[in-house]
Amino acid sequence: MSRLPPQQLSARRVATLKNGVISDGGNLWLVARHPSKVWTFRYTSPVSGKRREMGLGSAHTLSLADARRHAAEARNLLIERIDPLDKRREEERERAQKAANVMTFAMAADRFIQEHAPAWRDRKGEATWRGSLEKHIFPTFGEKSVRGVETDDVLAALRPIWLTTTETAQRLRARIERILDYAKGHGWREGENPARWKGHLAAILPKPTAIKRVKHHPAVKREDMPAVFAALCRLSETGIGAKALRFLCLTAARSGEVRGARWGEIDEANRIWTVPAERMKAGKEHRVPLTDGAMAVLEEMRPLRRQNEGDYIFPGARRGRPMSVLAMSYALHEAAGTKDVTVHGLRSTFRDWVAEETDYPSEVAEMALAHVIGNKVEAAYRRGDLFDKRRDMMKEWEKLIYIVKD
């Protein structure tokens, strides 16, 4: 074996090099492109005869001595006519296979949730995922190797709930699919995803829409709205829930948007409530025109502003927290005289009124409700938020519900 050329690098030179490519001899190179600095091993493959380059690690974490040791190991492989890069990849495959053999579906699910939950908008998302999997999936194949999960396993978990709690079953199927895709990406399993819907489970399980029709939120009838709103006005003398509900009726907003509303979101001079993107279901900022009635509600809530640590317009019983959704539900049930209506159903009442009793185009109503535009072409061309038209529409809606019928 021929002697190696003298080593050209020193620990100091490695530390001070900003940019450049320097050989240390013996196929070891230092490649610096500020701020990165990596060790590479350059060689001719004894198998293919092609020039190859194998990364050894960052010079910020791998010392010169360790880099030389790795290069020596690679040179020994070349003497045995073994390609170092092929050897490394083979070892990585073996490690992945060993991991797959011990990686259960429950373990893969836990890893997936830990890595992805921080990016989820819903703070309860992690608990929801874990709870549903622990209840419906883990008892069936949670302890099975993720590599071995098959269609029969997925069906065994989903079939008992597919016809009874279809919406939950659909969500679980999607969660299983994502976890198995995650496992495949890590090399813990191979082949097609047994939880995929199109071209697979769709041919086995009944179509969800054919099982159970969508259940709409029970809504107050349009002709009853003036009387219900009048009752809310009376209840507002003693209850914050009724005030919040009046504000919801006059803005067509969701209950979560109203309960989380803060004084800093209100532009009183221009009578506009701007809901930030992070609190909107569509993840997009939403401007809401405020009618006389809505402004009156804000004026009624103003005395509580100084006492409210969280700056919420409708504060809850606990300091620094928004009011509970139950407070709004109780107020609605008392005003309507029945529990067969929901707070969310008030938005349906508003939408039906626009469609059946006004000439406003549907897109104006949809924009007022902050619904996502389903048509991508329409969404691309609609740049504005139809604010002026929405303000006129909300004024008409206010005139309707403020009239108390005999």
Protein backbone atom coordinates (compact mmCIF):
# COMPACT_ATOMS: atom_id res chain seq x y z
CA MET A 1 0.00 0.00 0.00
CA SER A 2 1.37 3.43 -0.94
CA ARG A 3 1.97 5.99 1.78
CA LEU A 4 -0.62 8.71 2.25
CA PRO A 5 0.42 12.26 1.43
CA PRO A 6 1.14 14.53 4.44
CA GLN A 7 -2.01 15.75 6.18
CA GLN A 8 -2.61 19.37 5.25
CA LEU A 9 -5.17 20.57 7.77
CA SER A 10 -4.94 21.60 11.39
CA ALA A 11 -7.69 22.10 13.94
CA ARG A 12 -7.04 25.86 13.83
CA ARG A 13 -7.31 26.04 10.05
CA VAL A 14 -10.55 24.06 10.15
CA ALA A 15 -11.97 26.47 12.72
CA THR A 16 -10.97 29.64 10.85
CA LEU A 17 -11.81 28.64 7.25
CA LYS A 18 -14.85 30.59 6.01
CA ASN A 19 -15.08 29.63 2.33
CA GLY A 20 -13.19 27.20 0.14
CA VAL A 21 -12.49 23.53 -0.57
CA ILE A 22 -9.35 22.03 0.94
CA SER A 23 -8.00 18.49 0.84
CA ASP A 24 -6.50 16.96 3.96
CA GLY A 25 -5.11 14.09 1.91
CA GLY A 26 -6.29 10.49 1.90
CA ASN A 27 -9.53 11.38 0.06
CA LEU A 28 -10.71 13.63 2.90
CA TRP A 29 -11.95 17.12 1.95
CA LEU A 30 -13.27 20.10 3.87
CA VAL A 31 -15.94 22.07 2.01
CA ALA A 32 -16.74 25.48 3.52
CA ARG A 33 -19.52 27.76 2.30
CA HIS A 34 -20.19 30.16 5.15
CA PRO A 35 -21.90 29.44 7.48
CA SER A 36 -21.91 25.69 6.62
CA LYS A 37 -18.75 23.58 6.78
CA VAL A 38 -18.81 19.85 6.00
CA TRP A 39 -16.44 16.89 5.65
CA THR A 40 -16.62 14.77 2.49
CA PHE A 41 -14.86 11.64 1.28
CA ARG A 42 -14.15 11.63 -2.49
CA TYR A 43 -13.24 8.41 -4.24
CA THR A 44 -13.63 6.21 -7.30
CA SER A 45 -16.09 3.37 -6.77
CA PRO A 46 -14.42 -0.05 -7.09
CA VAL A 47 -17.78 -1.40 -8.23
CA SER A 48 -18.91 1.07 -10.90
CA GLY A 49 -15.67 2.90 -11.61
CA LYS A 50 -17.48 6.24 -11.17
CA ARG A 51 -16.35 9.19 -9.09
CA ARG A 52 -18.43 9.52 -5.92
CA GLU A 53 -18.62 11.77 -2.89
CA MET A 54 -19.85 10.75 0.57
CA GLY A 55 -20.66 13.23 3.32
CA LEU A 56 -19.11 12.48 6.68
CA GLY A 57 -20.73 15.20 8.76
CA SER A 58 -20.57 18.85 9.77
CA ALA A 59 -17.19 20.25 10.75
CA HIS A 60 -19.01 22.15 13.49
CA THR A 61 -19.82 18.88 15.27
CA LEU A 62 -17.26 16.40 13.84
CA SER A 63 -13.65 17.09 14.82
CA LEU A 64 -10.69 16.81 12.45
CA ALA A 65 -9.51 13.68 14.27
CA ASP A 66 -12.91 12.01 13.94
CA ALA A 67 -13.16 12.99 10.27
CA ARG A 68 -9.75 11.38 9.61
CA ARG A 69 -10.88 8.24 11.41
CA HIS A 70 -14.04 7.99 9.25
CA ALA A 71 -11.94 8.56 6.12
CA ALA A 72 -9.56 5.77 7.18
CA GLU A 73 -12.49 3.38 7.63
CA ALA A 74 -13.76 4.27 4.15
CA ARG A 75 -10.31 3.70 2.63
CA ASN A 76 -10.19 0.25 4.23
CA LEU A 77 -13.46 -0.60 2.53
CA LEU A 78 -12.02 0.48 -0.81
CA ILE A 79 -9.07 -1.87 -0.29
CA GLU A 80 -11.64 -4.68 0.09
CA ARG A 81 -13.33 -3.43 -3.12
CA ILE A 82 -16.43 -2.31 -1.21
CA ASP A 83 -18.10 0.95 -2.12
CA PRO A 84 -18.37 2.97 1.16
CA LEU A 85 -21.55 4.77 0.08
CA ASP A 86 -23.26 1.49 -0.88
CA LYS A 87 -22.18 0.02 2.45
CA ARG A 88 -23.67 2.96 4.36
CA ARG A 89 -26.99 2.72 2.51
CA GLU A 90 -27.19 -1.00 3.16
CA GLU A 91 -26.63 -0.40 6.88
CA GLU A 92 -29.32 2.30 6.89
CA ARG A 93 -31.79 -0.11 5.27
CA GLU A 94 -30.98 -2.74 7.88
CA ARG A 95 -31.52 -0.25 10.69
CA ALA A 96 -34.83 0.86 9.20
CA GLN A 97 -35.94 -2.75 8.88
CA LYS A 98 -35.04 -3.49 12.51
CA ALA A 99 -36.91 -0.36 13.59
CA ALA A 100 -39.93 -1.42 11.53
CA ASN A 101 -39.96 -4.82 13.18
CA VAL A 102 -40.28 -3.27 16.65
CA MET A 103 -42.26 -0.13 15.64
CA THR A 104 -45.92 -0.75 16.42
CA PHE A 105 -48.79 1.24 14.94
CA ALA A 106 -49.35 2.89 18.32
CA MET A 107 -45.68 3.91 18.52
CA ALA A 108 -45.79 5.33 14.97
CA ALA A 109 -48.99 7.22 15.83
CA ASP A 110 -47.35 8.71 18.91
CA ARG A 111 -44.35 9.86 16.88
CA PHE A 112 -46.63 11.36 14.20
CA ILE A 113 -48.71 13.30 16.74
CA GLN A 114 -45.64 14.60 18.59
CA GLU A 115 -44.12 15.96 15.37
CA HIS A 116 -47.26 17.39 13.78
CA ALA A 117 -49.39 18.63 16.72
CA PRO A 118 -47.36 21.85 17.23
CA ALA A 119 -48.46 23.01 13.76
CA TRP A 120 -52.17 22.30 14.30
CA ARG A 121 -54.41 25.34 14.79
CA ASP A 122 -56.76 23.48 17.14
CA ARG A 123 -55.16 23.37 20.60
CA LYS A 124 -57.33 20.36 21.45
CA GLY A 125 -56.25 18.53 18.30
CA GLU A 126 -53.62 16.39 19.99
CA ALA A 127 -56.01 15.22 22.71
CA THR A 128 -58.71 14.55 20.11
CA TRP A 129 -56.38 12.43 17.97
CA ARG A 130 -55.05 10.43 20.89
CA GLY A 131 -58.47 9.89 22.41
CA SER A 132 -60.07 8.64 19.20
CA LEU A 133 -57.18 6.32 18.36
CA GLU A 134 -57.04 4.89 21.88
CA LYS A 135 -60.77 4.25 21.87
CA HIS A 136 -61.35 2.85 18.39
CA ILE A 137 -58.05 1.82 16.77
CA PHE A 138 -55.41 0.74 19.30
CA PRO A 139 -57.54 -2.10 20.77
CA THR A 140 -57.65 -3.65 17.29
CA PHE A 141 -54.13 -3.21 15.90
CA GLY A 142 -52.31 -0.68 18.05
CA GLU A 143 -49.71 -3.25 19.19
CA LYS A 144 -49.25 -4.72 15.73
CA SER A 145 -46.07 -3.90 13.80
CA VAL A 146 -46.75 -0.88 11.63
CA ARG A 147 -45.11 -2.81 8.79
CA GLY A 148 -47.77 -5.50 9.05
CA VAL A 149 -50.94 -3.37 9.17
CA GLU A 150 -53.22 -4.58 6.37
CA THR A 151 -56.64 -3.81 4.95
CA ASP A 152 -58.33 -6.41 7.18
CA ASP A 153 -56.95 -4.63 10.26
CA VAL A 154 -58.30 -1.27 9.13
CA LEU A 155 -61.70 -2.76 8.33
CA ALA A 156 -61.85 -4.58 11.68
CA ALA A 157 -61.49 -1.23 13.43
CA LEU A 158 -63.80 0.81 11.20
CA ARG A 159 -66.69 -1.54 10.44
CA PRO A 160 -68.17 -1.54 13.98
CA ILE A 161 -68.67 2.26 13.82
CA TRP A 162 -69.00 2.91 10.08
CA LEU A 163 -72.81 2.68 10.05
CA THR A 164 -73.49 4.21 13.47
CA THR A 165 -70.99 7.07 13.88
CA THR A 166 -70.02 7.59 10.28
CA GLU A 167 -68.45 11.00 10.69
CA THR A 168 -66.14 9.72 13.43
CA ALA A 169 -65.27 6.68 11.34
CA GLN A 170 -64.37 8.89 8.37
CA ARG A 171 -62.02 10.97 10.49
CA LEU A 172 -60.38 7.86 11.92
CA ARG A 173 -59.82 6.41 8.46
CA ALA A 174 -58.08 9.62 7.39
CA ARG A 175 -55.94 9.59 10.55
CA ILE A 176 -54.88 5.99 9.98
CA GLU A 177 -53.97 6.85 6.38
CA ARG A 178 -51.79 9.78 7.44
CA ILE A 179 -50.01 7.76 10.10
CA LEU A 180 -49.27 4.92 7.68
CA ASP A 181 -47.98 7.39 5.06
CA TYR A 182 -45.76 8.85 7.77
CA ALA A 183 -44.47 5.35 8.60
CA LYS A 184 -43.74 4.66 4.94
CA GLY A 185 -41.82 7.91 4.67
CA HIS A 186 -39.60 6.74 7.51
CA GLY A 187 -39.00 3.37 5.86
CA TRP A 188 -40.98 1.45 8.50
CA ARG A 189 -43.37 -0.04 5.95
CA GLU A 190 -43.68 -0.54 2.20
CA GLY A 191 -46.41 -0.85 -0.40
CA GLU A 192 -49.82 0.78 -0.82
CA ASN A 193 -51.66 2.40 2.07
CA PRO A 194 -54.46 0.04 3.24
CA ALA A 195 -56.45 2.97 4.68
CA ARG A 196 -56.71 4.96 1.43
CA TRP A 197 -60.26 5.66 0.28
CA LYS A 198 -60.18 6.18 -3.49
CA GLY A 199 -59.61 3.01 -5.43
CA HIS A 200 -59.54 0.88 -2.28
CA LEU A 201 -61.84 1.20 0.76
CA ALA A 202 -64.39 3.05 -1.40
CA ALA A 203 -64.99 -0.28 -3.16
CA ILE A 204 -65.50 -2.10 0.16
CA LEU A 205 -67.34 0.20 2.59
CA PRO A 206 -70.66 1.97 1.89
CA LYS A 207 -70.37 5.56 0.76
CA PRO A 208 -70.72 7.81 3.85
CA THR A 209 -73.28 10.13 2.23
CA ALA A 210 -75.47 7.13 1.46
CA ILE A 211 -75.50 6.04 5.10
CA LYS A 212 -76.48 9.18 6.92
CA ARG A 213 -77.70 12.49 5.67
CA VAL A 214 -76.05 15.60 7.07
CA LYS A 215 -77.81 16.72 10.23
CA HIS A 216 -78.29 20.48 10.19
CA HIS A 217 -78.24 22.53 13.36
CA PRO A 218 -81.81 23.19 14.56
CA ALA A 219 -82.58 26.82 13.81
CA VAL A 220 -85.06 29.44 14.96
CA LYS A 221 -87.73 30.02 12.31
CA ARG A 222 -87.42 33.31 10.46
CA GLU A 223 -90.89 34.43 11.49
CA ASP A 224 -89.99 33.82 15.15
CA MET A 225 -86.75 35.82 15.10
CA PRO A 226 -88.29 39.23 16.09
CA ALA A 227 -89.93 37.71 19.17
CA VAL A 228 -86.78 35.78 20.12
CA PHE A 229 -84.64 38.88 19.69
CA ALA A 230 -87.05 40.94 21.81
CA ALA A 231 -86.75 38.31 24.55
CA LEU A 232 -82.97 38.53 24.33
CA CYS A 233 -83.18 42.29 24.81
CA ARG A 234 -85.15 41.73 28.02
CA LEU A 235 -82.72 39.07 29.24
CA SER A 236 -79.79 41.38 28.50
CA GLU A 237 -80.72 43.45 31.54
CA THR A 238 -79.24 40.71 33.76
CA GLY A 239 -77.22 38.37 31.56
CA ILE A 240 -74.05 38.75 29.48
CA GLY A 241 -74.97 35.61 27.51
CA ALA A 242 -78.02 37.34 26.06
CA LYS A 243 -75.93 40.40 25.10
CA ALA A 244 -73.39 38.19 23.32
CA LEU A 245 -76.21 36.41 21.53
CA ARG A 246 -77.68 39.71 20.33
CA PHE A 247 -74.24 40.66 18.99
CA LEU A 248 -74.02 37.28 17.23
CA CYS A 249 -77.45 37.72 15.64
CA LEU A 250 -76.55 41.19 14.33
CA THR A 251 -73.17 40.12 12.89
CA ALA A 252 -73.97 36.57 11.65
CA ALA A 253 -70.71 35.48 13.30
CA ARG A 254 -69.85 32.11 14.80
CA SER A 255 -70.16 31.68 18.55
CA GLY A 256 -66.40 31.16 18.96
CA GLU A 257 -65.68 34.38 17.09
CA VAL A 258 -68.06 36.33 19.32
CA ARG A 259 -66.89 34.78 22.59
CA GLY A 260 -63.26 35.43 21.66
CA ALA A 261 -63.87 39.01 20.47
CA ARG A 262 -61.57 41.62 22.02
CA TRP A 263 -61.93 45.37 22.29
CA GLY A 264 -58.77 45.86 20.25
CA GLU A 265 -60.54 44.32 17.23
CA ILE A 266 -63.23 47.03 17.19
CA ASP A 267 -62.89 50.16 15.06
CA GLU A 268 -65.63 52.24 16.64
CA ALA A 269 -65.11 55.27 14.39
CA ASN A 270 -65.76 53.25 11.24
CA ARG A 271 -68.07 50.71 12.93
CA ILE A 272 -66.01 47.69 11.88
CA TRP A 273 -65.09 44.53 13.78
CA THR A 274 -61.96 42.88 12.33
CA VAL A 275 -61.57 39.23 13.36
CA PRO A 276 -57.92 38.15 13.01
CA ALA A 277 -57.04 35.20 10.76
CA GLU A 278 -55.97 32.95 13.64
CA ARG A 279 -59.50 33.03 15.08
CA MET A 280 -61.30 32.38 11.79
CA LYS A 281 -62.26 28.91 10.62
CA ALA A 282 -60.91 29.65 7.12
CA GLY A 283 -57.69 31.13 8.51
CA LYS A 284 -58.33 34.47 6.82
CA GLU A 285 -58.95 37.89 8.38
CA HIS A 286 -62.64 38.83 8.32
CA ARG A 287 -64.18 42.33 8.49
CA VAL A 288 -67.67 42.63 9.96
CA PRO A 289 -69.87 45.73 9.56
CA LEU A 290 -71.46 46.84 12.85
CA THR A 291 -75.07 48.03 12.87
CA ASP A 292 -76.65 50.41 15.37
CA GLY A 293 -77.80 47.43 17.41
CA ALA A 294 -74.35 45.85 17.46
CA MET A 295 -72.81 49.15 18.57
CA ALA A 296 -75.46 49.38 21.30
CA VAL A 297 -74.40 45.97 22.65
CA LEU A 298 -70.78 47.16 22.80
CA GLU A 299 -71.87 50.25 24.71
CA GLU A 300 -73.68 48.03 27.23
CA MET A 301 -70.51 45.94 27.71
CA ARG A 302 -68.17 48.93 28.08
CA PRO A 303 -68.48 49.23 31.91
CA LEU A 304 -66.92 45.75 32.25
CA ARG A 305 -63.92 46.58 30.10
CA ARG A 306 -61.71 47.89 32.91
CA GLN A 307 -62.39 44.77 35.01
CA ASN A 308 -61.53 42.37 32.18
CA GLU A 309 -57.90 41.17 32.26
CA GLY A 310 -58.11 39.43 28.90
CA ASP A 311 -59.70 42.48 27.19
CA TYR A 312 -62.56 40.22 26.07
CA ILE A 313 -65.74 42.05 25.12
CA PHE A 314 -67.78 39.20 26.63
CA PRO A 315 -65.71 37.98 29.59
CA GLY A 316 -66.36 34.71 31.37
CA ALA A 317 -66.78 33.92 35.04
CA ARG A 318 -63.08 33.07 35.30
CA ARG A 319 -60.79 36.10 35.16
CA GLY A 320 -58.91 36.51 31.92
CA ARG A 321 -61.10 33.98 30.08
CA PRO A 322 -63.91 34.45 27.53
CA MET A 323 -67.46 33.50 28.37
CA SER A 324 -68.65 29.92 28.01
CA VAL A 325 -70.64 28.79 24.99
CA LEU A 326 -73.18 27.36 27.45
CA ALA A 327 -74.07 30.89 28.59
CA MET A 328 -75.18 31.70 25.06
CA SER A 329 -77.06 28.42 24.71
CA TYR A 330 -78.96 28.99 27.97
CA ALA A 331 -79.92 32.50 26.86
CA LEU A 332 -81.19 31.25 23.49
CA HIS A 333 -83.22 28.41 25.03
CA GLU A 334 -84.86 30.80 27.49
CA ALA A 335 -85.58 33.41 24.79
CA ALA A 336 -86.95 30.84 22.34
CA GLY A 337 -88.84 28.88 25.00
CA THR A 338 -87.35 25.59 23.77
CA LYS A 339 -84.12 23.62 23.78
CA ASP A 340 -84.73 22.43 20.23
CA VAL A 341 -82.67 25.26 18.71
CA THR A 342 -78.93 25.92 18.64
CA VAL A 343 -76.74 29.00 18.64
CA HIS A 344 -75.10 27.93 15.38
CA GLY A 345 -78.56 27.53 13.85
CA LEU A 346 -79.02 31.31 14.01
CA ARG A 347 -76.60 31.59 11.09
CA SER A 348 -78.87 29.26 9.10
CA THR A 349 -81.83 31.47 9.95
CA PHE A 350 -79.96 34.47 8.60
CA ARG A 351 -78.89 32.59 5.45
CA ASP A 352 -82.44 31.44 4.72
CA TRP A 353 -83.72 35.00 5.12
CA VAL A 354 -81.19 36.31 2.60
CA ALA A 355 -82.05 33.59 0.08
CA GLU A 356 -85.83 33.70 0.37
CA GLU A 357 -86.72 37.26 1.34
CA THR A 358 -84.07 39.49 -0.25
CA ASP A 359 -82.49 40.11 -3.65
CA TYR A 360 -78.90 39.99 -2.36
CA PRO A 361 -76.69 37.60 -4.37
CA SER A 362 -75.66 34.42 -2.59
CA GLU A 363 -72.00 35.45 -2.57
CA VAL A 364 -72.85 38.45 -0.37
CA ALA A 365 -74.46 36.18 2.21
CA GLU A 366 -71.62 33.66 1.99
CA MET A 367 -69.11 36.45 2.53
CA ALA A 368 -71.06 37.68 5.56
CA LEU A 369 -70.94 34.16 7.00
CA ALA A 370 -67.20 33.93 6.22
CA HIS A 371 -67.70 30.71 4.32
CA VAL A 372 -64.84 29.34 2.23
CA ILE A 373 -65.44 29.75 -1.50
CA GLY A 374 -65.63 26.25 -2.94
CA ASN A 375 -65.09 27.25 -6.56
CA LYS A 376 -61.35 27.87 -7.05
CA VAL A 377 -61.89 30.00 -10.15
CA GLU A 378 -64.43 32.20 -8.36
CA ALA A 379 -62.13 32.48 -5.35
CA ALA A 380 -59.24 33.57 -7.57
CA TYR A 381 -61.21 36.37 -9.21
CA ARG A 382 -63.03 37.63 -6.14
CA ARG A 383 -60.51 39.98 -4.54
CA GLY A 384 -62.79 42.16 -2.41
CA ASP A 385 -64.98 41.30 0.55
CA LEU A 386 -68.19 42.99 -0.68
CA PHE A 387 -68.13 45.05 2.50
CA ASP A 388 -70.46 47.89 1.50
CA LYS A 389 -73.10 45.47 0.23
CA ARG A 390 -72.78 43.45 3.40
CA ARG A 391 -73.27 46.56 5.53
CA ASP A 392 -76.54 47.35 3.72
CA MET A 393 -77.67 43.74 4.08
CA MET A 394 -76.98 43.66 7.83
CA LYS A 395 -78.94 46.90 8.29
CA GLU A 396 -81.97 45.27 6.63
CA TRP A 397 -81.54 42.16 8.79
CA GLU A 398 -81.47 44.35 11.89
CA LYS A 399 -84.73 46.09 10.89
CA LEU A 400 -86.39 42.69 10.53
CA ILE A 401 -85.43 41.20 13.89
CA TYR A 402 -86.03 44.38 15.88
CA ILE A 403 -89.75 44.37 14.91
CA VAL A 404 -91.79 42.62 17.59
CA LYS A 405 -94.94 40.99 16.26
CA ASP A 406 -98.16 40.95 18.26
